[in-house]
Amino acid sequence: MPWALDEPRPLEEKVELLRRFRGNFDLGQDFVYGLFSPDESELVGGSGFHTRVGGDAFEIGYWIRSSRAGEGLATESTAALTRVGFEVCGVDRIEIHTEPGNEGSMRIPQKLGYAEEARLRRRLYAPPGGEPRDTVVFSLFRSDYPDTPAASAHLQAYDASGERLL
């Protein structure tokens, strides 16, 4: 991903990135979440909602550090965000965009009941010295959601004041 090309970055740049995430969250523009180990000693990945796919819709993005791949963390967080998107935020559509060659990432929306809608050529950023890459778009609509595995994801969700939402 473009944001990871220059890692590791200095602490000052990380702080600025977190401030930007927080500002975008507060403005309702993007909703980025860190995924941590149970004891909170390790960042194991990230996920979130992006609003770039239009009104009444979210795109879910996710990444997992390579040392924690294969543990189901991306599937679990994507299922939880799917529930929150439909049941708390009330959107009508959620999309997931993946690279065709990333088999692990491709399996996540398939497992959760998303439908493959399109394969778009040369839509992802180009790596340094490379060509733009293809992407596969998966989508799930509110009307189809109740019959999917994502709808039965176990989670607890709270608002900023601590009131339970799910």
N, C-alpha and C. Protein backbone atom coordinates (compact mmCIF):
# COMPACT_ATOMS: atom_id res chain seq x y z
N MET A 1 0.85 -1.17 0.00
CA MET A 1 0.00 0.00 0.00
C MET A 1 0.90 1.24 0.00
N PRO A 2 0.43 2.32 -0.61
CA PRO A 2 1.27 3.51 -0.71
C PRO A 2 1.74 4.04 0.64
N TRP A 3 0.88 3.98 1.65
CA TRP A 3 1.22 4.53 2.95
C TRP A 3 2.29 3.70 3.65
N ALA A 4 2.56 2.49 3.19
CA ALA A 4 3.53 1.61 3.86
C ALA A 4 4.87 1.55 3.15
N LEU A 5 5.02 2.24 2.03
CA LEU A 5 6.25 2.12 1.25
C LEU A 5 7.49 2.61 1.99
N ASP A 6 7.36 3.62 2.81
CA ASP A 6 8.51 4.21 3.48
C ASP A 6 8.63 3.84 4.95
N GLU A 7 8.05 2.71 5.33
CA GLU A 7 8.13 2.28 6.73
C GLU A 7 9.48 1.67 7.02
N PRO A 8 9.97 1.77 8.24
CA PRO A 8 9.39 2.52 9.36
C PRO A 8 9.66 4.02 9.22
N ARG A 9 8.74 4.79 9.72
CA ARG A 9 8.85 6.25 9.67
C ARG A 9 9.16 6.78 11.06
N PRO A 10 9.71 7.98 11.13
CA PRO A 10 10.02 8.58 12.44
C PRO A 10 8.76 8.78 13.28
N LEU A 11 8.94 8.79 14.58
CA LEU A 11 7.84 8.94 15.52
C LEU A 11 7.01 10.19 15.23
N GLU A 12 7.66 11.31 14.90
CA GLU A 12 6.92 12.54 14.63
C GLU A 12 5.94 12.35 13.47
N GLU A 13 6.36 11.61 12.45
CA GLU A 13 5.47 11.35 11.31
C GLU A 13 4.31 10.44 11.71
N LYS A 14 4.58 9.48 12.58
CA LYS A 14 3.51 8.60 13.07
C LYS A 14 2.47 9.39 13.86
N VAL A 15 2.95 10.29 14.71
CA VAL A 15 2.03 11.11 15.50
C VAL A 15 1.16 11.95 14.58
N GLU A 16 1.76 12.55 13.55
CA GLU A 16 1.00 13.35 12.59
C GLU A 16 -0.02 12.48 11.85
N LEU A 17 0.34 11.27 11.48
CA LEU A 17 -0.58 10.35 10.82
C LEU A 17 -1.77 10.03 11.72
N LEU A 18 -1.49 9.74 12.99
CA LEU A 18 -2.58 9.44 13.93
C LEU A 18 -3.49 10.65 14.13
N ARG A 19 -2.92 11.83 14.15
CA ARG A 19 -3.74 13.05 14.26
C ARG A 19 -4.64 13.21 13.04
N ARG A 20 -4.10 12.91 11.86
CA ARG A 20 -4.89 12.99 10.63
C ARG A 20 -6.02 11.95 10.66
N PHE A 21 -5.70 10.74 11.10
CA PHE A 21 -6.74 9.71 11.24
C PHE A 21 -7.85 10.20 12.17
N ARG A 22 -7.46 10.73 13.31
CA ARG A 22 -8.44 11.21 14.29
C ARG A 22 -9.28 12.35 13.73
N GLY A 23 -8.64 13.30 13.04
CA GLY A 23 -9.37 14.41 12.46
C GLY A 23 -10.37 13.95 11.41
N ASN A 24 -9.94 13.05 10.54
CA ASN A 24 -10.85 12.51 9.52
C ASN A 24 -12.01 11.76 10.16
N PHE A 25 -11.72 11.02 11.23
CA PHE A 25 -12.76 10.29 11.96
C PHE A 25 -13.79 11.28 12.49
N ASP A 26 -13.31 12.31 13.18
CA ASP A 26 -14.21 13.30 13.77
C ASP A 26 -15.04 14.04 12.72
N LEU A 27 -14.48 14.21 11.52
CA LEU A 27 -15.19 14.89 10.44
C LEU A 27 -16.10 13.94 9.65
N GLY A 28 -16.08 12.66 9.98
CA GLY A 28 -16.91 11.69 9.27
C GLY A 28 -16.42 11.36 7.88
N GLN A 29 -15.10 11.52 7.64
CA GLN A 29 -14.55 11.31 6.31
C GLN A 29 -13.94 9.93 6.12
N ASP A 30 -13.33 9.40 7.12
CA ASP A 30 -12.72 8.07 7.13
C ASP A 30 -12.70 7.61 8.58
N PHE A 31 -12.79 6.30 8.76
CA PHE A 31 -12.87 5.76 10.12
C PHE A 31 -11.84 4.64 10.24
N VAL A 32 -10.66 4.99 10.76
CA VAL A 32 -9.53 4.06 10.84
C VAL A 32 -9.43 3.50 12.26
N TYR A 33 -9.26 2.18 12.33
CA TYR A 33 -9.14 1.49 13.61
C TYR A 33 -7.84 0.69 13.63
N GLY A 34 -7.16 0.70 14.77
CA GLY A 34 -6.01 -0.17 14.98
C GLY A 34 -6.49 -1.51 15.51
N LEU A 35 -5.82 -2.58 15.12
CA LEU A 35 -6.10 -3.92 15.64
C LEU A 35 -4.90 -4.31 16.49
N PHE A 36 -5.17 -4.64 17.75
CA PHE A 36 -4.10 -4.91 18.71
C PHE A 36 -4.21 -6.31 19.29
N SER A 37 -3.10 -6.82 19.79
CA SER A 37 -3.11 -8.09 20.50
C SER A 37 -3.98 -7.93 21.75
N PRO A 38 -4.48 -9.03 22.32
CA PRO A 38 -5.35 -8.92 23.49
C PRO A 38 -4.75 -8.12 24.65
N ASP A 39 -3.44 -8.20 24.83
CA ASP A 39 -2.82 -7.43 25.93
C ASP A 39 -2.40 -6.02 25.48
N GLU A 40 -2.74 -5.66 24.24
CA GLU A 40 -2.46 -4.34 23.66
C GLU A 40 -0.98 -4.01 23.55
N SER A 41 -0.12 -5.03 23.56
CA SER A 41 1.31 -4.78 23.46
C SER A 41 1.82 -4.77 22.02
N GLU A 42 0.96 -5.19 21.06
CA GLU A 42 1.40 -5.30 19.67
C GLU A 42 0.30 -4.84 18.73
N LEU A 43 0.68 -3.98 17.78
CA LEU A 43 -0.22 -3.62 16.70
C LEU A 43 -0.20 -4.77 15.71
N VAL A 44 -1.34 -5.43 15.49
CA VAL A 44 -1.37 -6.59 14.60
C VAL A 44 -1.99 -6.25 13.24
N GLY A 45 -2.59 -5.08 13.11
CA GLY A 45 -3.16 -4.69 11.83
C GLY A 45 -4.00 -3.44 11.96
N GLY A 46 -4.73 -3.18 10.92
CA GLY A 46 -5.62 -2.02 10.90
C GLY A 46 -6.79 -2.30 9.99
N SER A 47 -7.85 -1.56 10.20
CA SER A 47 -9.03 -1.71 9.37
C SER A 47 -9.81 -0.42 9.44
N GLY A 48 -10.87 -0.34 8.68
CA GLY A 48 -11.68 0.86 8.78
C GLY A 48 -12.63 1.03 7.63
N PHE A 49 -13.45 2.07 7.75
CA PHE A 49 -14.39 2.46 6.72
C PHE A 49 -13.83 3.65 5.96
N HIS A 50 -13.94 3.58 4.65
CA HIS A 50 -13.60 4.71 3.79
C HIS A 50 -14.88 5.16 3.10
N THR A 51 -15.03 6.46 2.95
CA THR A 51 -16.26 7.03 2.38
C THR A 51 -16.11 7.35 0.89
N ARG A 52 -15.02 6.96 0.29
CA ARG A 52 -14.72 7.33 -1.10
C ARG A 52 -15.58 6.62 -2.14
N VAL A 53 -16.44 5.69 -1.76
CA VAL A 53 -17.24 4.96 -2.74
C VAL A 53 -18.63 5.56 -2.93
N GLY A 54 -18.86 6.74 -2.40
CA GLY A 54 -20.12 7.43 -2.65
C GLY A 54 -21.03 7.48 -1.44
N GLY A 55 -22.10 8.19 -1.60
CA GLY A 55 -23.07 8.36 -0.53
C GLY A 55 -23.75 7.07 -0.15
N ASP A 56 -24.10 6.95 1.10
CA ASP A 56 -24.82 5.80 1.63
C ASP A 56 -24.06 4.49 1.46
N ALA A 57 -22.72 4.61 1.43
CA ALA A 57 -21.88 3.42 1.25
C ALA A 57 -20.53 3.61 1.94
N PHE A 58 -19.94 2.49 2.32
CA PHE A 58 -18.58 2.47 2.85
C PHE A 58 -17.76 1.46 2.06
N GLU A 59 -16.46 1.71 2.03
CA GLU A 59 -15.50 0.70 1.59
C GLU A 59 -14.75 0.26 2.83
N ILE A 60 -14.63 -1.04 3.04
CA ILE A 60 -13.83 -1.55 4.15
C ILE A 60 -12.44 -1.86 3.62
N GLY A 61 -11.45 -1.35 4.32
CA GLY A 61 -10.06 -1.68 4.02
C GLY A 61 -9.46 -2.38 5.23
N TYR A 62 -8.44 -3.21 4.98
CA TYR A 62 -7.79 -3.93 6.09
C TYR A 62 -6.38 -4.32 5.72
N TRP A 63 -5.56 -4.47 6.72
CA TRP A 63 -4.22 -5.03 6.56
C TRP A 63 -3.86 -5.74 7.86
N ILE A 64 -3.06 -6.77 7.75
CA ILE A 64 -2.58 -7.53 8.90
C ILE A 64 -1.07 -7.68 8.75
N ARG A 65 -0.34 -7.47 9.84
CA ARG A 65 1.12 -7.64 9.76
C ARG A 65 1.43 -9.09 9.39
N SER A 66 2.46 -9.28 8.62
CA SER A 66 2.75 -10.61 8.06
C SER A 66 2.96 -11.67 9.13
N SER A 67 3.49 -11.29 10.28
CA SER A 67 3.72 -12.27 11.34
C SER A 67 2.42 -12.78 11.97
N ARG A 68 1.30 -12.12 11.69
CA ARG A 68 0.00 -12.53 12.25
C ARG A 68 -0.99 -12.98 11.18
N ALA A 69 -0.53 -13.09 9.94
CA ALA A 69 -1.40 -13.52 8.84
C ALA A 69 -1.88 -14.95 9.08
N GLY A 70 -3.07 -15.24 8.63
CA GLY A 70 -3.63 -16.58 8.74
C GLY A 70 -4.33 -16.88 10.04
N GLU A 71 -4.46 -15.90 10.92
CA GLU A 71 -5.12 -16.10 12.22
C GLU A 71 -6.60 -15.72 12.20
N GLY A 72 -7.09 -15.25 11.07
CA GLY A 72 -8.49 -14.87 10.97
C GLY A 72 -8.79 -13.46 11.45
N LEU A 73 -7.76 -12.67 11.72
CA LEU A 73 -7.97 -11.33 12.26
C LEU A 73 -8.66 -10.40 11.27
N ALA A 74 -8.28 -10.46 10.01
CA ALA A 74 -8.91 -9.60 9.00
C ALA A 74 -10.36 -10.02 8.78
N THR A 75 -10.63 -11.32 8.78
CA THR A 75 -12.00 -11.79 8.61
C THR A 75 -12.86 -11.34 9.78
N GLU A 76 -12.33 -11.49 10.99
CA GLU A 76 -13.09 -11.10 12.19
C GLU A 76 -13.38 -9.61 12.20
N SER A 77 -12.37 -8.79 11.92
CA SER A 77 -12.59 -7.35 11.96
C SER A 77 -13.51 -6.89 10.82
N THR A 78 -13.41 -7.53 9.66
CA THR A 78 -14.27 -7.17 8.54
C THR A 78 -15.72 -7.56 8.82
N ALA A 79 -15.93 -8.71 9.44
CA ALA A 79 -17.29 -9.10 9.83
C ALA A 79 -17.87 -8.10 10.83
N ALA A 80 -17.06 -7.70 11.81
CA ALA A 80 -17.53 -6.73 12.80
C ALA A 80 -17.86 -5.39 12.14
N LEU A 81 -16.99 -4.91 11.26
CA LEU A 81 -17.26 -3.64 10.59
C LEU A 81 -18.49 -3.75 9.67
N THR A 82 -18.69 -4.89 9.07
CA THR A 82 -19.88 -5.08 8.24
C THR A 82 -21.13 -4.90 9.08
N ARG A 83 -21.16 -5.53 10.26
CA ARG A 83 -22.31 -5.36 11.16
C ARG A 83 -22.49 -3.90 11.54
N VAL A 84 -21.41 -3.25 11.94
CA VAL A 84 -21.50 -1.85 12.36
C VAL A 84 -21.97 -0.97 11.20
N GLY A 85 -21.45 -1.20 10.01
CA GLY A 85 -21.85 -0.40 8.86
C GLY A 85 -23.34 -0.46 8.60
N PHE A 86 -23.89 -1.67 8.65
CA PHE A 86 -25.32 -1.81 8.37
C PHE A 86 -26.19 -1.51 9.59
N GLU A 87 -25.82 -2.02 10.76
CA GLU A 87 -26.71 -1.94 11.92
C GLU A 87 -26.56 -0.66 12.73
N VAL A 88 -25.39 -0.04 12.72
CA VAL A 88 -25.19 1.19 13.49
C VAL A 88 -25.20 2.42 12.57
N CYS A 89 -24.44 2.35 11.49
CA CYS A 89 -24.32 3.50 10.59
C CYS A 89 -25.44 3.57 9.57
N GLY A 90 -26.08 2.45 9.29
CA GLY A 90 -27.24 2.45 8.41
C GLY A 90 -26.95 2.64 6.93
N VAL A 91 -25.74 2.29 6.47
CA VAL A 91 -25.46 2.42 5.05
C VAL A 91 -26.22 1.36 4.25
N ASP A 92 -26.34 1.58 2.96
CA ASP A 92 -27.04 0.63 2.09
C ASP A 92 -26.09 -0.35 1.41
N ARG A 93 -24.82 0.04 1.24
CA ARG A 93 -23.86 -0.79 0.51
C ARG A 93 -22.49 -0.71 1.17
N ILE A 94 -21.81 -1.85 1.22
CA ILE A 94 -20.42 -1.89 1.66
C ILE A 94 -19.62 -2.60 0.59
N GLU A 95 -18.48 -2.04 0.25
CA GLU A 95 -17.59 -2.62 -0.75
C GLU A 95 -16.25 -3.00 -0.12
N ILE A 96 -15.61 -3.99 -0.73
CA ILE A 96 -14.23 -4.37 -0.40
C ILE A 96 -13.50 -4.48 -1.72
N HIS A 97 -12.35 -3.82 -1.83
CA HIS A 97 -11.54 -3.86 -3.05
C HIS A 97 -10.26 -4.64 -2.74
N THR A 98 -9.96 -5.63 -3.56
CA THR A 98 -8.77 -6.45 -3.34
C THR A 98 -7.97 -6.59 -4.62
N GLU A 99 -6.73 -6.96 -4.45
CA GLU A 99 -5.86 -7.25 -5.59
C GLU A 99 -6.10 -8.71 -5.99
N PRO A 100 -6.33 -9.01 -7.27
CA PRO A 100 -6.65 -10.38 -7.68
C PRO A 100 -5.62 -11.42 -7.23
N GLY A 101 -4.36 -11.06 -7.17
CA GLY A 101 -3.33 -12.00 -6.79
C GLY A 101 -3.21 -12.24 -5.29
N ASN A 102 -3.90 -11.45 -4.49
CA ASN A 102 -3.83 -11.60 -3.04
C ASN A 102 -4.95 -12.56 -2.60
N GLU A 103 -4.65 -13.85 -2.67
CA GLU A 103 -5.67 -14.86 -2.41
C GLU A 103 -6.26 -14.78 -1.01
N GLY A 104 -5.42 -14.50 -0.02
CA GLY A 104 -5.93 -14.37 1.35
C GLY A 104 -6.93 -13.24 1.49
N SER A 105 -6.62 -12.12 0.89
CA SER A 105 -7.52 -10.97 0.95
C SER A 105 -8.79 -11.24 0.16
N MET A 106 -8.68 -11.94 -0.94
CA MET A 106 -9.85 -12.27 -1.77
C MET A 106 -10.82 -13.19 -1.02
N ARG A 107 -10.30 -14.07 -0.18
CA ARG A 107 -11.17 -15.02 0.53
C ARG A 107 -12.06 -14.34 1.58
N ILE A 108 -11.62 -13.23 2.12
CA ILE A 108 -12.37 -12.59 3.21
C ILE A 108 -13.78 -12.18 2.78
N PRO A 109 -13.95 -11.38 1.74
CA PRO A 109 -15.32 -11.03 1.36
C PRO A 109 -16.13 -12.25 0.90
N GLN A 110 -15.46 -13.20 0.27
CA GLN A 110 -16.16 -14.41 -0.15
C GLN A 110 -16.72 -15.17 1.04
N LYS A 111 -15.91 -15.31 2.10
CA LYS A 111 -16.36 -16.01 3.31
C LYS A 111 -17.53 -15.31 3.98
N LEU A 112 -17.56 -13.98 3.88
CA LEU A 112 -18.56 -13.20 4.61
C LEU A 112 -19.83 -12.93 3.82
N GLY A 113 -19.93 -13.45 2.60
CA GLY A 113 -21.16 -13.33 1.84
C GLY A 113 -21.21 -12.16 0.87
N TYR A 114 -20.10 -11.49 0.64
CA TYR A 114 -20.05 -10.42 -0.35
C TYR A 114 -20.05 -11.03 -1.75
N ALA A 115 -20.60 -10.31 -2.72
CA ALA A 115 -20.64 -10.76 -4.11
C ALA A 115 -19.54 -10.06 -4.91
N GLU A 116 -18.86 -10.82 -5.75
CA GLU A 116 -17.88 -10.21 -6.65
C GLU A 116 -18.64 -9.48 -7.74
N GLU A 117 -18.38 -8.18 -7.85
CA GLU A 117 -19.09 -7.37 -8.83
C GLU A 117 -18.28 -7.08 -10.07
N ALA A 118 -16.98 -6.83 -9.91
CA ALA A 118 -16.21 -6.40 -11.07
C ALA A 118 -14.72 -6.63 -10.85
N ARG A 119 -14.04 -6.82 -11.95
CA ARG A 119 -12.58 -6.79 -11.98
C ARG A 119 -12.22 -5.58 -12.83
N LEU A 120 -11.58 -4.63 -12.20
CA LEU A 120 -11.23 -3.38 -12.87
C LEU A 120 -9.74 -3.35 -13.16
N ARG A 121 -9.40 -3.02 -14.39
CA ARG A 121 -8.01 -3.04 -14.79
C ARG A 121 -7.30 -1.74 -14.43
N ARG A 122 -6.08 -1.89 -13.95
CA ARG A 122 -5.16 -0.77 -13.69
C ARG A 122 -5.78 0.33 -12.84
N ARG A 123 -6.40 -0.05 -11.72
CA ARG A 123 -7.04 0.92 -10.83
C ARG A 123 -6.29 1.16 -9.54
N LEU A 124 -5.43 0.21 -9.13
CA LEU A 124 -4.67 0.38 -7.89
C LEU A 124 -3.38 1.12 -8.18
N TYR A 125 -2.86 1.81 -7.18
CA TYR A 125 -1.63 2.58 -7.32
C TYR A 125 -0.53 1.72 -7.93
N ALA A 126 0.37 2.38 -8.61
CA ALA A 126 1.52 1.68 -9.18
C ALA A 126 2.65 1.65 -8.15
N PRO A 127 3.24 0.50 -7.91
CA PRO A 127 4.41 0.46 -7.04
C PRO A 127 5.57 1.19 -7.71
N PRO A 128 6.57 1.61 -6.96
CA PRO A 128 7.70 2.33 -7.57
C PRO A 128 8.26 1.56 -8.77
N GLY A 129 8.29 2.24 -9.92
CA GLY A 129 8.83 1.64 -11.12
C GLY A 129 7.91 0.63 -11.79
N GLY A 130 6.68 0.49 -11.29
CA GLY A 130 5.76 -0.50 -11.83
C GLY A 130 4.54 0.11 -12.48
N GLU A 131 3.66 -0.76 -12.90
CA GLU A 131 2.41 -0.37 -13.54
C GLU A 131 1.27 -0.39 -12.51
N PRO A 132 0.23 0.40 -12.74
CA PRO A 132 -0.96 0.27 -11.88
C PRO A 132 -1.49 -1.16 -11.96
N ARG A 133 -2.10 -1.61 -10.87
CA ARG A 133 -2.56 -3.00 -10.80
C ARG A 133 -4.07 -3.09 -10.86
N ASP A 134 -4.54 -4.27 -11.16
CA ASP A 134 -5.98 -4.52 -11.23
C ASP A 134 -6.56 -4.63 -9.82
N THR A 135 -7.87 -4.49 -9.73
CA THR A 135 -8.56 -4.66 -8.46
C THR A 135 -9.86 -5.42 -8.69
N VAL A 136 -10.28 -6.15 -7.68
CA VAL A 136 -11.56 -6.85 -7.70
C VAL A 136 -12.46 -6.15 -6.68
N VAL A 137 -13.67 -5.83 -7.08
CA VAL A 137 -14.63 -5.15 -6.22
C VAL A 137 -15.69 -6.15 -5.77
N PHE A 138 -15.82 -6.28 -4.46
CA PHE A 138 -16.88 -7.08 -3.85
C PHE A 138 -17.86 -6.12 -3.20
N SER A 139 -19.14 -6.48 -3.19
CA SER A 139 -20.12 -5.61 -2.53
C SER A 139 -21.14 -6.45 -1.79
N LEU A 140 -21.74 -5.80 -0.81
CA LEU A 140 -22.83 -6.39 -0.05
C LEU A 140 -23.85 -5.28 0.19
N PHE A 141 -25.12 -5.58 -0.09
CA PHE A 141 -26.19 -4.62 0.12
C PHE A 141 -26.96 -4.95 1.39
N ARG A 142 -27.52 -3.92 1.98
CA ARG A 142 -28.28 -4.08 3.22
C ARG A 142 -29.36 -5.15 3.07
N SER A 143 -30.01 -5.22 1.93
CA SER A 143 -31.09 -6.18 1.72
C SER A 143 -30.59 -7.63 1.72
N ASP A 144 -29.34 -7.84 1.35
CA ASP A 144 -28.76 -9.19 1.32
C ASP A 144 -28.04 -9.57 2.62
N TYR A 145 -27.70 -8.57 3.39
CA TYR A 145 -26.87 -8.75 4.60
C TYR A 145 -27.42 -9.76 5.61
N PRO A 146 -28.72 -9.76 5.95
CA PRO A 146 -29.18 -10.65 7.03
C PRO A 146 -28.91 -12.13 6.79
N ASP A 147 -28.77 -12.55 5.55
CA ASP A 147 -28.56 -13.96 5.24
C ASP A 147 -27.09 -14.33 5.07
N THR A 148 -26.18 -13.46 5.48
CA THR A 148 -24.75 -13.72 5.28
C THR A 148 -24.07 -14.12 6.59
N PRO A 149 -22.93 -14.78 6.50
CA PRO A 149 -22.15 -15.08 7.70
C PRO A 149 -21.76 -13.83 8.49
N ALA A 150 -21.58 -12.71 7.81
CA ALA A 150 -21.21 -11.47 8.52
C ALA A 150 -22.26 -11.06 9.53
N ALA A 151 -23.52 -11.33 9.25
CA ALA A 151 -24.61 -10.91 10.14
C ALA A 151 -24.57 -11.60 11.49
N SER A 152 -23.90 -12.73 11.58
CA SER A 152 -23.86 -13.46 12.86
C SER A 152 -22.53 -13.25 13.60
N ALA A 153 -21.74 -12.30 13.17
CA ALA A 153 -20.47 -12.02 13.86
C ALA A 153 -20.74 -11.58 15.29
N HIS A 154 -20.00 -12.13 16.23
CA HIS A 154 -20.15 -11.77 17.64
C HIS A 154 -19.28 -10.57 17.94
N LEU A 155 -19.89 -9.52 18.48
CA LEU A 155 -19.14 -8.33 18.85
C LEU A 155 -19.93 -7.50 19.84
N GLN A 156 -19.22 -6.59 20.45
CA GLN A 156 -19.83 -5.57 21.29
C GLN A 156 -19.35 -4.23 20.75
N ALA A 157 -20.27 -3.32 20.52
CA ALA A 157 -19.94 -2.00 20.02
C ALA A 157 -20.53 -0.95 20.96
N TYR A 158 -19.74 0.08 21.23
CA TYR A 158 -20.14 1.14 22.16
C TYR A 158 -19.94 2.49 21.51
N ASP A 159 -20.75 3.47 21.91
CA ASP A 159 -20.54 4.83 21.41
C ASP A 159 -19.53 5.55 22.29
N ALA A 160 -19.25 6.80 21.97
CA ALA A 160 -18.21 7.56 22.68
C ALA A 160 -18.52 7.75 24.16
N SER A 161 -19.80 7.70 24.54
CA SER A 161 -20.15 7.85 25.95
C SER A 161 -20.20 6.53 26.69
N GLY A 162 -19.89 5.44 26.00
CA GLY A 162 -19.88 4.13 26.65
C GLY A 162 -21.19 3.38 26.57
N GLU A 163 -22.17 3.92 25.86
CA GLU A 163 -23.46 3.24 25.72
C GLU A 163 -23.32 2.13 24.67
N ARG A 164 -23.83 0.97 25.02
CA ARG A 164 -23.71 -0.18 24.13
C ARG A 164 -24.65 -0.02 22.93
N LEU A 165 -24.09 -0.21 21.72
CA LEU A 165 -24.84 -0.12 20.49
C LEU A 165 -25.21 -1.50 19.95
N LEU A 166 -24.31 -2.46 20.10
CA LEU A 166 -24.53 -3.84 19.65
C LEU A 166 -24.01 -4.79 20.71
